[in-house]
Amino acid sequence: MQAVRNKSLGSLSEVEAIVLETDGEFSVIPRSDQDSTSILANVSI
């Protein structure tokens, strides 16, 4: 949750994804309000 707060997001509903990086840090990808297409639509896991 601290990584989300550091991005000035108030809620997990504002987050598209959280990525655990190889250095142990978390990257927070905010949800976009501009369109309904996910920025992660073409990501394979």
Protein backbone atom coordinates (compact mmCIF):
# COMPACT_ATOMS: atom_id res chain seq x y z
CA MET A 1 0.00 0.00 0.00
CA GLN A 2 2.89 2.39 0.60
CA ALA A 3 3.90 2.19 -3.07
CA VAL A 4 0.34 3.18 -4.01
CA ARG A 5 0.39 6.10 -1.57
CA ASN A 6 3.75 7.23 -2.94
CA LYS A 7 2.08 7.59 -6.35
CA SER A 8 -0.56 9.85 -4.71
CA LEU A 9 -3.31 7.31 -5.31
CA GLY A 10 -5.93 7.02 -2.63
CA SER A 11 -7.32 3.59 -3.39
CA LEU A 12 -6.41 0.29 -5.04
CA SER A 13 -9.35 0.88 -7.40
CA GLU A 14 -7.15 3.57 -9.00
CA VAL A 15 -4.41 1.02 -9.79
CA GLU A 16 -4.18 -0.97 -13.03
CA ALA A 17 -1.26 -3.13 -11.86
CA ILE A 18 1.54 -3.42 -9.34
CA VAL A 19 4.81 -4.96 -10.54
CA LEU A 20 7.48 -6.45 -8.31
CA GLU A 21 10.74 -5.42 -9.97
CA THR A 22 13.93 -7.49 -9.93
CA ASP A 23 15.47 -5.09 -7.40
CA GLY A 24 12.63 -5.72 -4.93
CA GLU A 25 10.89 -2.39 -5.53
CA PHE A 26 7.24 -2.09 -6.52
CA SER A 27 6.16 -0.19 -9.63
CA VAL A 28 2.59 1.08 -9.60
CA ILE A 29 0.74 1.52 -12.90
CA PRO A 30 -2.26 3.80 -12.40
CA ARG A 31 -5.60 3.04 -14.07
CA SER A 32 -6.35 5.32 -17.01
CA ASP A 33 -9.64 7.22 -17.11
CA GLN A 34 -9.20 8.21 -20.76
CA ASP A 35 -10.51 5.03 -22.37
CA SER A 36 -11.73 1.59 -21.47
CA THR A 37 -8.77 -0.28 -23.03
CA SER A 38 -6.36 -1.67 -20.49
CA ILE A 39 -2.74 -0.60 -20.91
CA LEU A 40 -1.89 -4.22 -20.15
CA ALA A 41 -4.10 -5.69 -22.90
CA ASN A 42 -1.14 -7.00 -24.93
CA VAL A 43 0.97 -8.23 -21.99
CA SER A 44 1.55 -11.96 -21.79
CA ILE A 45 2.35 -13.70 -18.52
